[in-house]
Full PDB file with SEQRES, HELIX, SHEET, SSBOND, CRYST1, ORIGX, SCALE, CONECT and MASTER records, all heavy atoms in Angstrom:
SEQRES   1 A   39  ASP GLY PHE ILE LEU THR ARG THR LEU VAL LYS ASP ALA          
SEQRES   2 A   39  PRO ALA GLU TYR LEU LYS GLU THR GLY ILE PRO PHE VAL          
SEQRES   3 A   39  ALA ILE GLY CYS THR GLU ASP GLU SER VAL VAL TRP ILE          
HELIX    1 AA1 ALA A   13  THR A   21  1                                   9    
SHEET    1 AA1 2 PHE A   3  LEU A   5  0                                        
SHEET    2 AA1 2 PHE A  25  ALA A  27  1                                        
CRYST1    1.000    1.000    1.000  90.00  90.00  90.00 P 1           1          
ORIGX1      1.000000  0.000000  0.000000        0.00000                         
ORIGX2      0.000000  1.000000  0.000000        0.00000                         
ORIGX3      0.000000  0.000000  1.000000        0.00000                         
SCALE1      1.000000  0.000000  0.000000        0.00000                         
SCALE2      0.000000  1.000000  0.000000        0.00000                         
SCALE3      0.000000  0.000000  1.000000        0.00000                         
ATOM      1  N   ASP A   1      11.293 -17.285   1.689  1.00  0.00           N  
ATOM      2  CA  ASP A   1      10.456 -18.466   1.939  1.00  0.00           C  
ATOM      3  C   ASP A   1       9.437 -18.693   0.829  1.00  0.00           C  
ATOM      4  O   ASP A   1       8.795 -19.744   0.780  1.00  0.00           O  
ATOM      5  CB  ASP A   1       9.708 -18.305   3.266  1.00  0.00           C  
ATOM      6  CG  ASP A   1      10.661 -18.168   4.441  1.00  0.00           C  
ATOM      7  OD1 ASP A   1      11.729 -18.800   4.408  1.00  0.00           O  
ATOM      8  OD2 ASP A   1      10.340 -17.425   5.381  1.00  0.00           O  
ATOM      9  N   GLY A   2       9.251 -17.704  -0.039  1.00  0.00           N  
ATOM     10  CA  GLY A   2       8.282 -17.818  -1.125  1.00  0.00           C  
ATOM     11  C   GLY A   2       8.331 -16.582  -1.992  1.00  0.00           C  
ATOM     12  O   GLY A   2       8.977 -15.587  -1.640  1.00  0.00           O  
ATOM     13  N   PHE A   3       7.658 -16.645  -3.134  1.00  0.00           N  
ATOM     14  CA  PHE A   3       7.702 -15.540  -4.101  1.00  0.00           C  
ATOM     15  C   PHE A   3       6.308 -15.103  -4.536  1.00  0.00           C  
ATOM     16  O   PHE A   3       5.362 -15.898  -4.530  1.00  0.00           O  
ATOM     17  CB  PHE A   3       8.462 -15.964  -5.370  1.00  0.00           C  
ATOM     18  CG  PHE A   3       9.953 -15.974  -5.239  1.00  0.00           C  
ATOM     19  CD1 PHE A   3      10.617 -17.145  -4.906  1.00  0.00           C  
ATOM     20  CD2 PHE A   3      10.693 -14.825  -5.453  1.00  0.00           C  
ATOM     21  CE1 PHE A   3      11.995 -17.170  -4.793  1.00  0.00           C  
ATOM     22  CE2 PHE A   3      12.075 -14.836  -5.338  1.00  0.00           C  
ATOM     23  CZ  PHE A   3      12.725 -16.009  -5.011  1.00  0.00           C  
ATOM     24  N   ILE A   4       6.235 -13.839  -4.948  1.00  0.00           N  
ATOM     25  CA  ILE A   4       5.059 -13.312  -5.643  1.00  0.00           C  
ATOM     26  C   ILE A   4       5.525 -12.812  -7.007  1.00  0.00           C  
ATOM     27  O   ILE A   4       6.442 -11.988  -7.093  1.00  0.00           O  
ATOM     28  CB  ILE A   4       4.405 -12.163  -4.862  1.00  0.00           C  
ATOM     29  CG1 ILE A   4       3.788 -12.684  -3.565  1.00  0.00           C  
ATOM     30  CG2 ILE A   4       3.331 -11.468  -5.720  1.00  0.00           C  
ATOM     31  CD1 ILE A   4       3.246 -11.596  -2.653  1.00  0.00           C  
ATOM     32  N   LEU A   5       4.932 -13.337  -8.068  1.00  0.00           N  
ATOM     33  CA  LEU A   5       5.201 -12.855  -9.431  1.00  0.00           C  
ATOM     34  C   LEU A   5       4.165 -11.795  -9.775  1.00  0.00           C  
ATOM     35  O   LEU A   5       2.967 -12.026  -9.592  1.00  0.00           O  
ATOM     36  CB  LEU A   5       5.122 -14.000 -10.438  1.00  0.00           C  
ATOM     37  CG  LEU A   5       6.049 -15.196 -10.224  1.00  0.00           C  
ATOM     38  CD1 LEU A   5       5.822 -16.244 -11.318  1.00  0.00           C  
ATOM     39  CD2 LEU A   5       7.502 -14.760 -10.220  1.00  0.00           C  
ATOM     40  N   THR A   6       4.591 -10.661 -10.285  1.00  0.00           N  
ATOM     41  CA  THR A   6       3.650  -9.575 -10.563  1.00  0.00           C  
ATOM     42  C   THR A   6       3.220  -9.501 -12.027  1.00  0.00           C  
ATOM     43  O   THR A   6       2.520  -8.574 -12.413  1.00  0.00           O  
ATOM     44  CB  THR A   6       4.257  -8.219 -10.149  1.00  0.00           C  
ATOM     45  OG1 THR A   6       5.519  -8.036 -10.798  1.00  0.00           O  
ATOM     46  CG2 THR A   6       4.445  -8.140  -8.650  1.00  0.00           C  
ATOM     47  N   ARG A   7       3.646 -10.469 -12.819  1.00  0.00           N  
ATOM     48  CA  ARG A   7       3.189 -10.525 -14.218  1.00  0.00           C  
ATOM     49  C   ARG A   7       3.229 -11.975 -14.667  1.00  0.00           C  
ATOM     50  O   ARG A   7       4.127 -12.725 -14.288  1.00  0.00           O  
ATOM     51  CB  ARG A   7       4.074  -9.662 -15.129  1.00  0.00           C  
ATOM     52  CG  ARG A   7       3.694  -9.757 -16.612  1.00  0.00           C  
ATOM     53  CD  ARG A   7       4.640  -8.966 -17.486  1.00  0.00           C  
ATOM     54  NE  ARG A   7       4.428  -7.525 -17.361  1.00  0.00           N  
ATOM     55  CZ  ARG A   7       5.256  -6.603 -17.849  1.00  0.00           C  
ATOM     56  NH1 ARG A   7       6.369  -6.979 -18.455  1.00  0.00           N  
ATOM     57  NH2 ARG A   7       4.975  -5.324 -17.711  1.00  0.00           N  
ATOM     58  N   THR A   8       2.243 -12.379 -15.455  1.00  0.00           N  
ATOM     59  CA  THR A   8       2.247 -13.718 -16.039  1.00  0.00           C  
ATOM     60  C   THR A   8       2.395 -13.616 -17.544  1.00  0.00           C  
ATOM     61  O   THR A   8       1.850 -12.706 -18.177  1.00  0.00           O  
ATOM     62  CB  THR A   8       0.961 -14.488 -15.685  1.00  0.00           C  
ATOM     63  OG1 THR A   8      -0.184 -13.690 -16.021  1.00  0.00           O  
ATOM     64  CG2 THR A   8       0.919 -14.832 -14.213  1.00  0.00           C  
ATOM     65  N   LEU A   9       3.117 -14.573 -18.112  1.00  0.00           N  
ATOM     66  CA  LEU A   9       3.422 -14.571 -19.538  1.00  0.00           C  
ATOM     67  C   LEU A   9       2.952 -15.867 -20.189  1.00  0.00           C  
ATOM     68  O   LEU A   9       2.729 -16.874 -19.508  1.00  0.00           O  
ATOM     69  CB  LEU A   9       4.935 -14.422 -19.749  1.00  0.00           C  
ATOM     70  CG  LEU A   9       5.608 -13.212 -19.088  1.00  0.00           C  
ATOM     71  CD1 LEU A   9       7.122 -13.338 -19.190  1.00  0.00           C  
ATOM     72  CD2 LEU A   9       5.131 -11.916 -19.736  1.00  0.00           C  
ATOM     73  N   VAL A  10       2.823 -15.830 -21.508  1.00  0.00           N  
ATOM     74  CA  VAL A  10       2.437 -17.030 -22.244  1.00  0.00           C  
ATOM     75  C   VAL A  10       3.512 -18.102 -22.051  1.00  0.00           C  
ATOM     76  O   VAL A  10       3.229 -19.240 -21.688  1.00  0.00           O  
ATOM     77  CB  VAL A  10       2.237 -16.715 -23.734  1.00  0.00           C  
ATOM     78  CG1 VAL A  10       1.947 -17.997 -24.510  1.00  0.00           C  
ATOM     79  CG2 VAL A  10       1.100 -15.721 -23.914  1.00  0.00           C  
ATOM     80  N   LYS A  11       4.761 -17.733 -22.287  1.00  0.00           N  
ATOM     81  CA  LYS A  11       5.900 -18.608 -21.976  1.00  0.00           C  
ATOM     82  C   LYS A  11       6.575 -17.992 -20.763  1.00  0.00           C  
ATOM     83  O   LYS A  11       7.355 -17.059 -20.875  1.00  0.00           O  
ATOM     84  CB  LYS A  11       6.865 -18.692 -23.159  1.00  0.00           C  
ATOM     85  CG  LYS A  11       6.256 -19.391 -24.373  1.00  0.00           C  
ATOM     86  CD  LYS A  11       7.254 -19.518 -25.509  1.00  0.00           C  
ATOM     87  CE  LYS A  11       6.643 -20.252 -26.699  1.00  0.00           C  
ATOM     88  NZ  LYS A  11       7.601 -20.365 -27.831  1.00  0.00           N  
ATOM     89  N   ASP A  12       6.246 -18.530 -19.594  1.00  0.00           N  
ATOM     90  CA  ASP A  12       6.588 -17.879 -18.331  1.00  0.00           C  
ATOM     91  C   ASP A  12       7.816 -18.516 -17.679  1.00  0.00           C  
ATOM     92  O   ASP A  12       7.719 -19.442 -16.877  1.00  0.00           O  
ATOM     93  CB  ASP A  12       5.385 -17.962 -17.382  1.00  0.00           C  
ATOM     94  CG  ASP A  12       5.380 -16.843 -16.363  1.00  0.00           C  
ATOM     95  OD1 ASP A  12       6.477 -16.435 -15.945  1.00  0.00           O  
ATOM     96  OD2 ASP A  12       4.293 -16.375 -16.002  1.00  0.00           O  
ATOM     97  N   ALA A  13       9.006 -18.003 -18.026  1.00  0.00           N  
ATOM     98  CA  ALA A  13      10.255 -18.561 -17.503  1.00  0.00           C  
ATOM     99  C   ALA A  13      10.358 -18.463 -15.977  1.00  0.00           C  
ATOM    100  O   ALA A  13      10.769 -19.438 -15.328  1.00  0.00           O  
ATOM    101  CB  ALA A  13      11.451 -17.868 -18.164  1.00  0.00           C  
ATOM    102  N   PRO A  14      10.007 -17.324 -15.349  1.00  0.00           N  
ATOM    103  CA  PRO A  14      10.083 -17.266 -13.880  1.00  0.00           C  
ATOM    104  C   PRO A  14       9.197 -18.313 -13.204  1.00  0.00           C  
ATOM    105  O   PRO A  14       9.624 -18.983 -12.259  1.00  0.00           O  
ATOM    106  CB  PRO A  14       9.598 -15.839 -13.563  1.00  0.00           C  
ATOM    107  CG  PRO A  14       9.922 -15.057 -14.782  1.00  0.00           C  
ATOM    108  CD  PRO A  14       9.681 -16.004 -15.914  1.00  0.00           C  
ATOM    109  N   ALA A  15       7.966 -18.472 -13.693  1.00  0.00           N  
ATOM    110  CA  ALA A  15       7.046 -19.446 -13.100  1.00  0.00           C  
ATOM    111  C   ALA A  15       7.563 -20.870 -13.287  1.00  0.00           C  
ATOM    112  O   ALA A  15       7.505 -21.695 -12.366  1.00  0.00           O  
ATOM    113  CB  ALA A  15       5.656 -19.303 -13.712  1.00  0.00           C  
ATOM    114  N   GLU A  16       8.076 -21.157 -14.471  1.00  0.00           N  
ATOM    115  CA  GLU A  16       8.596 -22.501 -14.738  1.00  0.00           C  
ATOM    116  C   GLU A  16       9.770 -22.816 -13.822  1.00  0.00           C  
ATOM    117  O   GLU A  16       9.892 -23.927 -13.297  1.00  0.00           O  
ATOM    118  CB  GLU A  16       9.022 -22.627 -16.205  1.00  0.00           C  
ATOM    119  CG  GLU A  16       7.860 -22.710 -17.186  1.00  0.00           C  
ATOM    120  CD  GLU A  16       6.970 -23.917 -16.914  1.00  0.00           C  
ATOM    121  OE1 GLU A  16       7.494 -25.016 -16.639  1.00  0.00           O  
ATOM    122  OE2 GLU A  16       5.736 -23.754 -16.955  1.00  0.00           O  
ATOM    123  N   TYR A  17      10.641 -21.840 -13.625  1.00  0.00           N  
ATOM    124  CA  TYR A  17      11.803 -22.056 -12.757  1.00  0.00           C  
ATOM    125  C   TYR A  17      11.368 -22.303 -11.316  1.00  0.00           C  
ATOM    126  O   TYR A  17      11.861 -23.221 -10.654  1.00  0.00           O  
ATOM    127  CB  TYR A  17      12.744 -20.854 -12.827  1.00  0.00           C  
ATOM    128  CG  TYR A  17      13.869 -20.937 -11.815  1.00  0.00           C  
ATOM    129  CD1 TYR A  17      14.903 -21.849 -11.975  1.00  0.00           C  
ATOM    130  CD2 TYR A  17      13.876 -20.114 -10.690  1.00  0.00           C  
ATOM    131  CE1 TYR A  17      15.924 -21.958 -11.045  1.00  0.00           C  
ATOM    132  CE2 TYR A  17      14.880 -20.205  -9.745  1.00  0.00           C  
ATOM    133  CZ  TYR A  17      15.918 -21.136  -9.924  1.00  0.00           C  
ATOM    134  OH  TYR A  17      16.903 -21.236  -8.987  1.00  0.00           O  
ATOM    135  N   LEU A  18      10.440 -21.491 -10.819  1.00  0.00           N  
ATOM    136  CA  LEU A  18       9.980 -21.644  -9.435  1.00  0.00           C  
ATOM    137  C   LEU A  18       9.268 -22.975  -9.231  1.00  0.00           C  
ATOM    138  O   LEU A  18       9.368 -23.592  -8.167  1.00  0.00           O  
ATOM    139  CB  LEU A  18       9.074 -20.477  -9.050  1.00  0.00           C  
ATOM    140  CG  LEU A  18       9.779 -19.104  -8.939  1.00  0.00           C  
ATOM    141  CD1 LEU A  18       8.770 -18.016  -8.608  1.00  0.00           C  
ATOM    142  CD2 LEU A  18      10.885 -19.139  -7.894  1.00  0.00           C  
ATOM    143  N   LYS A  19       8.546 -23.437 -10.249  1.00  0.00           N  
ATOM    144  CA  LYS A  19       7.899 -24.749 -10.155  1.00  0.00           C  
ATOM    145  C   LYS A  19       8.949 -25.851  -9.991  1.00  0.00           C  
ATOM    146  O   LYS A  19       8.767 -26.776  -9.202  1.00  0.00           O  
ATOM    147  CB  LYS A  19       7.062 -25.018 -11.412  1.00  0.00           C  
ATOM    148  CG  LYS A  19       5.716 -24.329 -11.429  1.00  0.00           C  
ATOM    149  CD  LYS A  19       5.053 -24.447 -12.783  1.00  0.00           C  
ATOM    150  CE  LYS A  19       4.892 -25.880 -13.242  1.00  0.00           C  
ATOM    151  NZ  LYS A  19       4.267 -25.979 -14.574  1.00  0.00           N  
ATOM    152  N   GLU A  20      10.050 -25.733 -10.708  1.00  0.00           N  
ATOM    153  CA  GLU A  20      11.112 -26.737 -10.634  1.00  0.00           C  
ATOM    154  C   GLU A  20      11.754 -26.772  -9.251  1.00  0.00           C  
ATOM    155  O   GLU A  20      12.128 -27.833  -8.756  1.00  0.00           O  
ATOM    156  CB  GLU A  20      12.187 -26.434 -11.684  1.00  0.00           C  
ATOM    157  CG  GLU A  20      11.739 -26.662 -13.115  1.00  0.00           C  
ATOM    158  CD  GLU A  20      12.770 -26.177 -14.119  1.00  0.00           C  
ATOM    159  OE1 GLU A  20      13.876 -25.778 -13.673  1.00  0.00           O  
ATOM    160  OE2 GLU A  20      12.486 -26.189 -15.325  1.00  0.00           O  
ATOM    161  N   THR A  21      11.870 -25.602  -8.619  1.00  0.00           N  
ATOM    162  CA  THR A  21      12.527 -25.536  -7.307  1.00  0.00           C  
ATOM    163  C   THR A  21      11.628 -26.057  -6.185  1.00  0.00           C  
ATOM    164  O   THR A  21      12.113 -26.481  -5.143  1.00  0.00           O  
ATOM    165  CB  THR A  21      12.926 -24.097  -6.960  1.00  0.00           C  
ATOM    166  OG1 THR A  21      11.751 -23.299  -6.769  1.00  0.00           O  
ATOM    167  CG2 THR A  21      13.794 -23.495  -8.061  1.00  0.00           C  
ATOM    168  N   GLY A  22      10.306 -25.985  -6.396  1.00  0.00           N  
ATOM    169  CA  GLY A  22       9.368 -26.412  -5.362  1.00  0.00           C  
ATOM    170  C   GLY A  22       9.086 -25.364  -4.313  1.00  0.00           C  
ATOM    171  O   GLY A  22       8.335 -25.612  -3.365  1.00  0.00           O  
ATOM    172  N   ILE A  23       9.654 -24.174  -4.449  1.00  0.00           N  
ATOM    173  CA  ILE A  23       9.417 -23.110  -3.474  1.00  0.00           C  
ATOM    174  C   ILE A  23       8.008 -22.552  -3.667  1.00  0.00           C  
ATOM    175  O   ILE A  23       7.529 -22.424  -4.801  1.00  0.00           O  
ATOM    176  CB  ILE A  23      10.478 -21.991  -3.621  1.00  0.00           C  
ATOM    177  CG1 ILE A  23      10.418 -21.035  -2.430  1.00  0.00           C  
ATOM    178  CG2 ILE A  23      10.305 -21.218  -4.911  1.00  0.00           C  
ATOM    179  CD1 ILE A  23      11.601 -20.074  -2.372  1.00  0.00           C  
ATOM    180  N   PRO A  24       7.279 -22.221  -2.597  1.00  0.00           N  
ATOM    181  CA  PRO A  24       5.920 -21.673  -2.756  1.00  0.00           C  
ATOM    182  C   PRO A  24       5.933 -20.343  -3.520  1.00  0.00           C  
ATOM    183  O   PRO A  24       6.806 -19.501  -3.281  1.00  0.00           O  
ATOM    184  CB  PRO A  24       5.449 -21.458  -1.315  1.00  0.00           C  
ATOM    185  CG  PRO A  24       6.316 -22.340  -0.476  1.00  0.00           C  
ATOM    186  CD  PRO A  24       7.639 -22.379  -1.174  1.00  0.00           C  
ATOM    187  N   PHE A  25       4.986 -20.173  -4.424  1.00  0.00           N  
ATOM    188  CA  PHE A  25       4.852 -18.870  -5.084  1.00  0.00           C  
ATOM    189  C   PHE A  25       3.413 -18.680  -5.554  1.00  0.00           C  
ATOM    190  O   PHE A  25       2.685 -19.639  -5.785  1.00  0.00           O  
ATOM    191  CB  PHE A  25       5.838 -18.724  -6.249  1.00  0.00           C  
ATOM    192  CG  PHE A  25       5.498 -19.510  -7.494  1.00  0.00           C  
ATOM    193  CD1 PHE A  25       4.804 -18.912  -8.552  1.00  0.00           C  
ATOM    194  CD2 PHE A  25       5.869 -20.839  -7.618  1.00  0.00           C  
ATOM    195  CE1 PHE A  25       4.502 -19.622  -9.696  1.00  0.00           C  
ATOM    196  CE2 PHE A  25       5.565 -21.566  -8.760  1.00  0.00           C  
ATOM    197  CZ  PHE A  25       4.881 -20.960  -9.811  1.00  0.00           C  
ATOM    198  N   VAL A  26       3.042 -17.406  -5.658  1.00  0.00           N  
ATOM    199  CA  VAL A  26       1.718 -17.023  -6.158  1.00  0.00           C  
ATOM    200  C   VAL A  26       1.917 -16.020  -7.269  1.00  0.00           C  
ATOM    201  O   VAL A  26       2.762 -15.109  -7.158  1.00  0.00           O  
ATOM    202  CB  VAL A  26       0.849 -16.401  -5.042  1.00  0.00           C  
ATOM    203  CG1 VAL A  26      -0.526 -16.032  -5.581  1.00  0.00           C  
ATOM    204  CG2 VAL A  26       0.709 -17.356  -3.867  1.00  0.00           C  
ATOM    205  N   ALA A  27       1.162 -16.164  -8.340  1.00  0.00           N  
ATOM    206  CA  ALA A  27       1.256 -15.236  -9.462  1.00  0.00           C  
ATOM    207  C   ALA A  27       0.117 -14.234  -9.423  1.00  0.00           C  
ATOM    208  O   ALA A  27      -1.028 -14.585  -9.142  1.00  0.00           O  
ATOM    209  CB  ALA A  27       1.234 -15.997 -10.786  1.00  0.00           C  
ATOM    210  N   ILE A  28       0.448 -12.975  -9.683  1.00  0.00           N  
ATOM    211  CA  ILE A  28      -0.570 -11.951  -9.908  1.00  0.00           C  
ATOM    212  C   ILE A  28      -0.802 -11.914 -11.414  1.00  0.00           C  
ATOM    213  O   ILE A  28       0.060 -11.500 -12.175  1.00  0.00           O  
ATOM    214  CB  ILE A  28      -0.118 -10.580  -9.387  1.00  0.00           C  
ATOM    215  CG1 ILE A  28      -0.015 -10.597  -7.858  1.00  0.00           C  
ATOM    216  CG2 ILE A  28      -1.082  -9.482  -9.845  1.00  0.00           C  
ATOM    217  CD1 ILE A  28       0.472  -9.297  -7.254  1.00  0.00           C  
ATOM    218  N   GLY A  29      -1.950 -12.386 -11.833  1.00  0.00           N  
ATOM    219  CA  GLY A  29      -2.234 -12.508 -13.257  1.00  0.00           C  
ATOM    220  C   GLY A  29      -2.643 -13.928 -13.584  1.00  0.00           C  
ATOM    221  O   GLY A  29      -2.154 -14.891 -12.968  1.00  0.00           O  
ATOM    222  N   CYS A  30      -3.535 -14.065 -14.543  1.00  0.00           N  
ATOM    223  CA  CYS A  30      -4.049 -15.392 -14.890  1.00  0.00           C  
ATOM    224  C   CYS A  30      -3.000 -16.197 -15.646  1.00  0.00           C  
ATOM    225  O   CYS A  30      -2.030 -15.642 -16.187  1.00  0.00           O  
ATOM    226  CB  CYS A  30      -5.324 -15.257 -15.726  1.00  0.00           C  
ATOM    227  SG  CYS A  30      -5.062 -14.509 -17.343  1.00  0.00           S  
ATOM    228  N   THR A  31      -3.187 -17.486 -15.666  1.00  0.00           N  
ATOM    229  CA  THR A  31      -2.324 -18.381 -16.423  1.00  0.00           C  
ATOM    230  C   THR A  31      -3.121 -19.623 -16.802  1.00  0.00           C  
ATOM    231  O   THR A  31      -4.081 -19.980 -16.113  1.00  0.00           O  
ATOM    232  CB  THR A  31      -1.078 -18.790 -15.614  1.00  0.00           C  
ATOM    233  OG1 THR A  31      -0.337 -19.776 -16.350  1.00  0.00           O  
ATOM    234  CG2 THR A  31      -1.463 -19.371 -14.259  1.00  0.00           C  
ATOM    235  N   GLU A  32      -2.729 -20.251 -17.889  1.00  0.00           N  
ATOM    236  CA  GLU A  32      -3.384 -21.489 -18.316  1.00  0.00           C  
ATOM    237  C   GLU A  32      -2.773 -22.708 -17.638  1.00  0.00           C  
ATOM    238  O   GLU A  32      -3.261 -23.820 -17.783  1.00  0.00           O  
ATOM    239  CB  GLU A  32      -3.298 -21.617 -19.840  1.00  0.00           C  
ATOM    240  CG  GLU A  32      -4.083 -20.523 -20.572  1.00  0.00           C  
ATOM    241  CD  GLU A  32      -3.910 -20.585 -22.078  1.00  0.00           C  
ATOM    242  OE1 GLU A  32      -3.052 -21.370 -22.532  1.00  0.00           O  
ATOM    243  OE2 GLU A  32      -4.631 -19.861 -22.782  1.00  0.00           O  
ATOM    244  N   ASP A  33      -1.704 -22.493 -16.878  1.00  0.00           N  
ATOM    245  CA  ASP A  33      -1.033 -23.576 -16.159  1.00  0.00           C  
ATOM    246  C   ASP A  33      -1.802 -23.873 -14.869  1.00  0.00           C  
ATOM    247  O   ASP A  33      -1.780 -23.080 -13.923  1.00  0.00           O  
ATOM    248  CB  ASP A  33       0.407 -23.166 -15.836  1.00  0.00           C  
ATOM    249  CG  ASP A  33       1.223 -24.315 -15.242  1.00  0.00           C  
ATOM    250  OD1 ASP A  33       0.618 -25.255 -14.703  1.00  0.00           O  
ATOM    251  OD2 ASP A  33       2.466 -24.250 -15.325  1.00  0.00           O  
ATOM    252  N   GLU A  34      -2.492 -24.996 -14.825  1.00  0.00           N  
ATOM    253  CA  GLU A  34      -3.347 -25.325 -13.689  1.00  0.00           C  
ATOM    254  C   GLU A  34      -2.564 -25.654 -12.416  1.00  0.00           C  
ATOM    255  O   GLU A  34      -3.133 -25.722 -11.329  1.00  0.00           O  
ATOM    256  CB  GLU A  34      -4.267 -26.494 -14.049  1.00  0.00           C  
ATOM    257  CG  GLU A  34      -5.274 -26.134 -15.139  1.00  0.00           C  
ATOM    258  CD  GLU A  34      -6.248 -27.267 -15.430  1.00  0.00           C  
ATOM    259  OE1 GLU A  34      -6.104 -28.337 -14.794  1.00  0.00           O  
ATOM    260  OE2 GLU A  34      -7.141 -27.071 -16.275  1.00  0.00           O  
ATOM    261  N   SER A  35      -1.256 -25.830 -12.528  1.00  0.00           N  
ATOM    262  CA  SER A  35      -0.452 -26.133 -11.350  1.00  0.00           C  
ATOM    263  C   SER A  35       0.010 -24.868 -10.622  1.00  0.00           C  
ATOM    264  O   SER A  35       0.595 -24.956  -9.545  1.00  0.00           O  
ATOM    265  CB  SER A  35       0.776 -26.965 -11.741  1.00  0.00           C  
ATOM    266  OG  SER A  35       1.670 -26.205 -12.541  1.00  0.00           O  
ATOM    267  N   VAL A  36      -0.254 -23.711 -11.204  1.00  0.00           N  
ATOM    268  CA  VAL A  36       0.181 -22.431 -10.616  1.00  0.00           C  
ATOM    269  C   VAL A  36      -0.981 -21.779  -9.874  1.00  0.00           C  
ATOM    270  O   VAL A  36      -2.082 -21.661 -10.417  1.00  0.00           O  
ATOM    271  CB  VAL A  36       0.712 -21.470 -11.704  1.00  0.00           C  
ATOM    272  CG1 VAL A  36       0.992 -20.086 -11.118  1.00  0.00           C  
ATOM    273  CG2 VAL A  36       1.976 -22.038 -12.342  1.00  0.00           C  
ATOM    274  N   VAL A  37      -0.737 -21.352  -8.649  1.00  0.00           N  
ATOM    275  CA  VAL A  37      -1.732 -20.593  -7.880  1.00  0.00           C  
ATOM    276  C   VAL A  37      -1.671 -19.142  -8.342  1.00  0.00           C  
ATOM    277  O   VAL A  37      -0.597 -18.534  -8.345  1.00  0.00           O  
ATOM    278  CB  VAL A  37      -1.442 -20.671  -6.367  1.00  0.00           C  
ATOM    279  CG1 VAL A  37      -2.390 -19.767  -5.591  1.00  0.00           C  
ATOM    280  CG2 VAL A  37      -1.566 -22.109  -5.883  1.00  0.00           C  
ATOM    281  N   TRP A  38      -2.814 -18.605  -8.752  1.00  0.00           N  
ATOM    282  CA  TRP A  38      -2.808 -17.223  -9.225  1.00  0.00           C  
ATOM    283  C   TRP A  38      -4.015 -16.444  -8.742  1.00  0.00           C  
ATOM    284  O   TRP A  38      -5.068 -16.997  -8.451  1.00  0.00           O  
ATOM    285  CB  TRP A  38      -2.706 -17.159 -10.748  1.00  0.00           C  
ATOM    286  CG  TRP A  38      -3.814 -17.811 -11.522  1.00  0.00           C  
ATOM    287  CD1 TRP A  38      -3.853 -19.096 -11.956  1.00  0.00           C  
ATOM    288  CD2 TRP A  38      -5.042 -17.212 -11.989  1.00  0.00           C  
ATOM    289  NE1 TRP A  38      -5.020 -19.342 -12.656  1.00  0.00           N  
ATOM    290  CE2 TRP A  38      -5.773 -18.195 -12.696  1.00  0.00           C  
ATOM    291  CE3 TRP A  38      -5.586 -15.929 -11.875  1.00  0.00           C  
ATOM    292  CZ2 TRP A  38      -7.005 -17.941 -13.266  1.00  0.00           C  
ATOM    293  CZ3 TRP A  38      -6.827 -15.674 -12.457  1.00  0.00           C  
ATOM    294  CH2 TRP A  38      -7.521 -16.677 -13.141  1.00  0.00           C  
ATOM    295  N   ILE A  39      -3.821 -15.125  -8.653  1.00  0.00           N  
ATOM    296  CA  ILE A  39      -4.869 -14.194  -8.227  1.00  0.00           C  
ATOM    297  C   ILE A  39      -4.845 -13.006  -9.184  1.00  0.00           C  
ATOM    298  O   ILE A  39      -3.777 -12.513  -9.539  1.00  0.00           O  
ATOM    299  CB  ILE A  39      -4.620 -13.709  -6.779  1.00  0.00           C  
ATOM    300  CG1 ILE A  39      -4.641 -14.898  -5.815  1.00  0.00           C  
ATOM    301  CG2 ILE A  39      -5.654 -12.672  -6.359  1.00  0.00           C  
ATOM    302  CD1 ILE A  39      -4.223 -14.545  -4.403  1.00  0.00           C  
TER     303      ILE A  39                                                      
MASTER        0    0    0    1    2    0    0    6  302    1    0    3          
END                                                                             
């Protein structure tokens, strides 16, 4: 039903893919992408 990413990258392929799918996800680690929820 959703994902947790345990690492964030400068060019973040997992995050980009999940954004395209629309599935809820939260990243552990900061990101400059303001559309990503992160902690």
